N, C-alpha and C. Protein backbone atom coordinates (compact mmCIF):
# COMPACT_ATOMS: atom_id res chain seq x y z
N MET A 1 66.55 -48.29 -56.03
CA MET A 1 66.58 -47.22 -55.04
C MET A 1 67.81 -46.38 -55.33
N GLY A 2 67.59 -45.14 -55.62
CA GLY A 2 68.68 -44.26 -55.97
C GLY A 2 69.00 -43.27 -54.88
N LEU A 3 69.96 -42.46 -55.22
CA LEU A 3 70.40 -41.42 -54.28
C LEU A 3 69.30 -40.40 -54.02
N LEU A 4 68.52 -40.08 -55.06
CA LEU A 4 67.43 -39.10 -54.91
C LEU A 4 66.37 -39.61 -53.93
N ASN A 5 66.09 -40.91 -54.00
CA ASN A 5 65.13 -41.49 -53.05
C ASN A 5 65.62 -41.32 -51.61
N LEU A 6 66.87 -41.65 -51.39
CA LEU A 6 67.43 -41.57 -50.04
C LEU A 6 67.45 -40.13 -49.52
N VAL A 7 67.77 -39.20 -50.41
CA VAL A 7 67.79 -37.79 -50.01
C VAL A 7 66.39 -37.33 -49.64
N CYS A 8 65.40 -37.69 -50.43
CA CYS A 8 64.01 -37.30 -50.12
C CYS A 8 63.56 -37.91 -48.81
N TRP A 9 63.86 -39.19 -48.60
CA TRP A 9 63.46 -39.84 -47.35
C TRP A 9 64.16 -39.22 -46.15
N GLY A 10 65.45 -38.98 -46.28
CA GLY A 10 66.20 -38.40 -45.17
C GLY A 10 65.74 -37.00 -44.83
N LEU A 11 65.59 -36.17 -45.87
CA LEU A 11 65.13 -34.80 -45.63
C LEU A 11 63.70 -34.79 -45.09
N GLY A 12 62.87 -35.68 -45.60
CA GLY A 12 61.50 -35.78 -45.10
C GLY A 12 61.46 -36.17 -43.64
N ALA A 13 62.30 -37.15 -43.26
CA ALA A 13 62.34 -37.58 -41.87
C ALA A 13 62.82 -36.46 -40.95
N VAL A 14 63.80 -35.71 -41.41
CA VAL A 14 64.31 -34.59 -40.61
C VAL A 14 63.22 -33.53 -40.44
N LEU A 15 62.50 -33.22 -41.52
CA LEU A 15 61.44 -32.21 -41.42
C LEU A 15 60.30 -32.68 -40.54
N ILE A 16 59.96 -33.95 -40.61
CA ILE A 16 58.89 -34.48 -39.75
C ILE A 16 59.30 -34.36 -38.28
N ALA A 17 60.53 -34.78 -37.98
CA ALA A 17 60.99 -34.73 -36.59
C ALA A 17 61.07 -33.29 -36.09
N ALA A 18 61.64 -32.40 -36.91
CA ALA A 18 61.76 -31.00 -36.49
C ALA A 18 60.39 -30.36 -36.32
N GLY A 19 59.48 -30.63 -37.24
CA GLY A 19 58.14 -30.07 -37.14
C GLY A 19 57.42 -30.53 -35.89
N TYR A 20 57.53 -31.82 -35.60
CA TYR A 20 56.87 -32.35 -34.40
C TYR A 20 57.47 -31.77 -33.13
N LEU A 21 58.79 -31.78 -33.06
CA LEU A 21 59.45 -31.30 -31.84
C LEU A 21 59.22 -29.81 -31.60
N GLN A 22 59.15 -29.04 -32.67
CA GLN A 22 58.96 -27.59 -32.52
C GLN A 22 57.49 -27.22 -32.31
N ALA A 23 56.55 -28.04 -32.78
CA ALA A 23 55.13 -27.69 -32.68
C ALA A 23 54.50 -28.16 -31.37
N ARG A 24 55.05 -29.18 -30.75
CA ARG A 24 54.37 -29.73 -29.57
C ARG A 24 54.41 -28.78 -28.37
N GLY A 25 55.46 -28.02 -28.19
CA GLY A 25 55.54 -27.08 -27.07
C GLY A 25 54.52 -25.95 -27.17
N PRO A 26 54.50 -25.21 -28.30
CA PRO A 26 53.50 -24.15 -28.43
C PRO A 26 52.06 -24.68 -28.40
N TRP A 27 51.84 -25.87 -28.97
CA TRP A 27 50.49 -26.42 -28.97
C TRP A 27 50.03 -26.73 -27.54
N ALA A 28 50.92 -27.29 -26.74
CA ALA A 28 50.58 -27.60 -25.35
C ALA A 28 50.31 -26.32 -24.56
N ARG A 29 51.15 -25.33 -24.73
CA ARG A 29 50.97 -24.05 -24.01
C ARG A 29 49.69 -23.37 -24.45
N HIS A 30 49.36 -23.46 -25.75
CA HIS A 30 48.13 -22.87 -26.25
C HIS A 30 46.92 -23.53 -25.57
N GLY A 31 46.96 -24.83 -25.41
CA GLY A 31 45.87 -25.53 -24.72
C GLY A 31 45.73 -25.10 -23.28
N GLU A 32 46.88 -24.91 -22.61
CA GLU A 32 46.84 -24.44 -21.22
C GLU A 32 46.22 -23.05 -21.13
N LEU A 33 46.58 -22.17 -22.04
CA LEU A 33 46.01 -20.81 -22.02
C LEU A 33 44.52 -20.83 -22.30
N ARG A 34 44.08 -21.69 -23.22
CA ARG A 34 42.65 -21.81 -23.51
C ARG A 34 41.88 -22.32 -22.30
N SER A 35 42.44 -23.28 -21.58
CA SER A 35 41.74 -23.80 -20.40
C SER A 35 41.70 -22.76 -19.29
N GLN A 36 42.75 -21.97 -19.14
CA GLN A 36 42.74 -20.90 -18.14
C GLN A 36 41.71 -19.84 -18.50
N THR A 37 41.61 -19.49 -19.77
CA THR A 37 40.63 -18.50 -20.21
C THR A 37 39.21 -19.02 -19.98
N ALA A 38 38.99 -20.30 -20.27
CA ALA A 38 37.66 -20.88 -20.03
C ALA A 38 37.35 -20.91 -18.54
N ASN A 39 38.35 -21.17 -17.71
CA ASN A 39 38.14 -21.17 -16.27
C ASN A 39 37.77 -19.77 -15.78
N ILE A 40 38.43 -18.76 -16.29
CA ILE A 40 38.10 -17.37 -15.91
C ILE A 40 36.68 -17.03 -16.34
N ALA A 41 36.31 -17.46 -17.55
CA ALA A 41 34.95 -17.18 -18.03
C ALA A 41 33.91 -17.88 -17.16
N ARG A 42 34.17 -19.10 -16.73
CA ARG A 42 33.23 -19.80 -15.83
C ARG A 42 33.14 -19.07 -14.49
N TYR A 43 34.27 -18.62 -13.98
CA TYR A 43 34.26 -17.91 -12.70
C TYR A 43 33.49 -16.60 -12.82
N GLU A 44 33.71 -15.87 -13.93
CA GLU A 44 32.98 -14.62 -14.13
C GLU A 44 31.48 -14.88 -14.22
N GLY A 45 31.10 -15.96 -14.90
CA GLY A 45 29.68 -16.29 -15.00
C GLY A 45 29.08 -16.66 -13.66
N TRP A 46 29.84 -17.37 -12.85
CA TRP A 46 29.36 -17.77 -11.53
C TRP A 46 29.25 -16.57 -10.61
N ARG A 47 30.25 -15.70 -10.67
CA ARG A 47 30.28 -14.55 -9.77
C ARG A 47 29.40 -13.42 -10.26
N GLY A 48 29.26 -13.31 -11.58
CA GLY A 48 28.42 -12.25 -12.13
C GLY A 48 29.16 -10.95 -12.37
N THR A 49 30.46 -10.96 -12.28
CA THR A 49 31.26 -9.76 -12.55
C THR A 49 32.31 -10.08 -13.59
N ARG A 50 32.86 -9.04 -14.16
CA ARG A 50 33.92 -9.23 -15.15
C ARG A 50 35.25 -8.87 -14.49
N LEU A 51 36.21 -9.78 -14.62
CA LEU A 51 37.54 -9.54 -14.08
C LEU A 51 38.45 -8.87 -15.09
N ARG A 52 38.12 -9.02 -16.36
CA ARG A 52 38.98 -8.48 -17.41
C ARG A 52 38.32 -7.30 -18.08
N SER A 53 39.15 -6.45 -18.67
CA SER A 53 38.62 -5.32 -19.43
C SER A 53 38.27 -5.80 -20.83
N GLU A 54 37.61 -4.96 -21.59
CA GLU A 54 37.22 -5.31 -22.95
C GLU A 54 38.45 -5.36 -23.85
N GLY A 55 38.36 -6.13 -24.90
CA GLY A 55 39.46 -6.26 -25.84
C GLY A 55 40.32 -7.47 -25.52
N PRO A 56 41.23 -7.77 -26.41
CA PRO A 56 42.07 -8.96 -26.20
C PRO A 56 43.08 -8.72 -25.08
N SER A 57 43.26 -9.73 -24.28
CA SER A 57 44.24 -9.64 -23.20
C SER A 57 45.59 -10.10 -23.72
N ALA A 58 46.59 -9.96 -22.91
CA ALA A 58 47.93 -10.42 -23.28
C ALA A 58 47.95 -11.93 -23.47
N ALA A 59 47.16 -12.65 -22.68
CA ALA A 59 47.07 -14.10 -22.82
C ALA A 59 46.43 -14.49 -24.15
N ASP A 60 45.42 -13.72 -24.58
CA ASP A 60 44.79 -13.99 -25.88
C ASP A 60 45.77 -13.77 -27.02
N LEU A 61 46.55 -12.71 -26.94
CA LEU A 61 47.54 -12.42 -27.98
C LEU A 61 48.63 -13.48 -27.99
N LEU A 62 49.05 -13.92 -26.82
CA LEU A 62 50.06 -14.97 -26.75
C LEU A 62 49.51 -16.28 -27.31
N ALA A 63 48.26 -16.58 -27.02
CA ALA A 63 47.65 -17.81 -27.54
C ALA A 63 47.60 -17.78 -29.07
N GLU A 64 47.28 -16.63 -29.66
CA GLU A 64 47.29 -16.51 -31.12
C GLU A 64 48.68 -16.71 -31.68
N GLN A 65 49.68 -16.13 -31.03
CA GLN A 65 51.06 -16.28 -31.49
C GLN A 65 51.51 -17.73 -31.38
N LEU A 66 51.17 -18.39 -30.30
CA LEU A 66 51.54 -19.80 -30.13
C LEU A 66 50.85 -20.68 -31.16
N LEU A 67 49.60 -20.38 -31.47
CA LEU A 67 48.87 -21.16 -32.46
C LEU A 67 49.50 -20.98 -33.85
N ARG A 68 49.90 -19.76 -34.19
CA ARG A 68 50.57 -19.51 -35.47
C ARG A 68 51.87 -20.30 -35.56
N ARG A 69 52.63 -20.30 -34.48
CA ARG A 69 53.90 -21.03 -34.47
C ARG A 69 53.68 -22.54 -34.60
N ALA A 70 52.69 -23.07 -33.89
CA ALA A 70 52.39 -24.50 -33.97
C ALA A 70 51.92 -24.87 -35.37
N ARG A 71 51.12 -24.01 -36.00
CA ARG A 71 50.66 -24.29 -37.36
C ARG A 71 51.82 -24.25 -38.35
N LEU A 72 52.74 -23.33 -38.18
CA LEU A 72 53.89 -23.25 -39.07
C LEU A 72 54.71 -24.53 -39.01
N TRP A 73 55.01 -25.01 -37.81
CA TRP A 73 55.80 -26.21 -37.67
C TRP A 73 55.03 -27.45 -38.07
N ALA A 74 53.72 -27.44 -37.91
CA ALA A 74 52.91 -28.56 -38.41
C ALA A 74 52.98 -28.60 -39.94
N LEU A 75 53.00 -27.44 -40.58
CA LEU A 75 53.15 -27.38 -42.02
C LEU A 75 54.50 -27.92 -42.46
N VAL A 76 55.55 -27.63 -41.68
CA VAL A 76 56.87 -28.18 -41.98
C VAL A 76 56.83 -29.71 -41.91
N ALA A 77 56.14 -30.26 -40.93
CA ALA A 77 56.02 -31.71 -40.82
C ALA A 77 55.23 -32.29 -41.99
N VAL A 78 54.20 -31.60 -42.44
CA VAL A 78 53.41 -32.07 -43.59
C VAL A 78 54.28 -32.06 -44.85
N VAL A 79 55.10 -31.05 -45.02
CA VAL A 79 56.03 -31.02 -46.15
C VAL A 79 56.99 -32.20 -46.06
N GLY A 80 57.42 -32.54 -44.85
CA GLY A 80 58.27 -33.70 -44.66
C GLY A 80 57.59 -34.99 -45.09
N PHE A 81 56.31 -35.16 -44.73
CA PHE A 81 55.55 -36.33 -45.18
C PHE A 81 55.47 -36.35 -46.70
N GLY A 82 55.27 -35.17 -47.29
CA GLY A 82 55.23 -35.09 -48.75
C GLY A 82 56.54 -35.54 -49.38
N LEU A 83 57.65 -35.12 -48.78
CA LEU A 83 58.94 -35.54 -49.31
C LEU A 83 59.16 -37.04 -49.19
N VAL A 84 58.69 -37.63 -48.12
CA VAL A 84 58.81 -39.09 -47.97
C VAL A 84 58.02 -39.79 -49.08
N PHE A 85 56.81 -39.32 -49.37
CA PHE A 85 56.03 -39.92 -50.42
C PHE A 85 56.65 -39.68 -51.80
N VAL A 86 57.23 -38.51 -51.99
CA VAL A 86 57.92 -38.22 -53.25
C VAL A 86 59.12 -39.16 -53.39
N GLY A 87 59.78 -39.46 -52.29
CA GLY A 87 60.89 -40.40 -52.32
C GLY A 87 60.48 -41.77 -52.81
N PHE A 88 59.26 -42.18 -52.50
CA PHE A 88 58.77 -43.45 -53.01
C PHE A 88 58.35 -43.34 -54.48
N ALA A 89 57.95 -42.16 -54.92
CA ALA A 89 57.42 -42.00 -56.27
C ALA A 89 58.53 -41.87 -57.33
N VAL A 90 59.63 -41.24 -56.98
CA VAL A 90 60.69 -41.04 -57.98
C VAL A 90 61.45 -42.34 -58.22
N ARG A 91 61.94 -42.45 -59.41
CA ARG A 91 62.72 -43.66 -59.76
C ARG A 91 64.11 -43.28 -60.09
């Protein structure tokens, strides 16, 4: 076990932790926005009227932005997993 192994494992662990901690907030908020949008759609279907105008709402745009941010940090975590495996592969 060399210094390169330890560096890869340490950096990988840091990236995994950072990716998880940074992605869980936007992912949770994105789920909340999706459930609110589905609730509005059910209410509109029940009532038979539209409450929103055509086109994307501010909530839709925010949901897209949150999803992009969650995907970015999930990618950082995946890179961290890759570094951990590389740490095992190098000699």
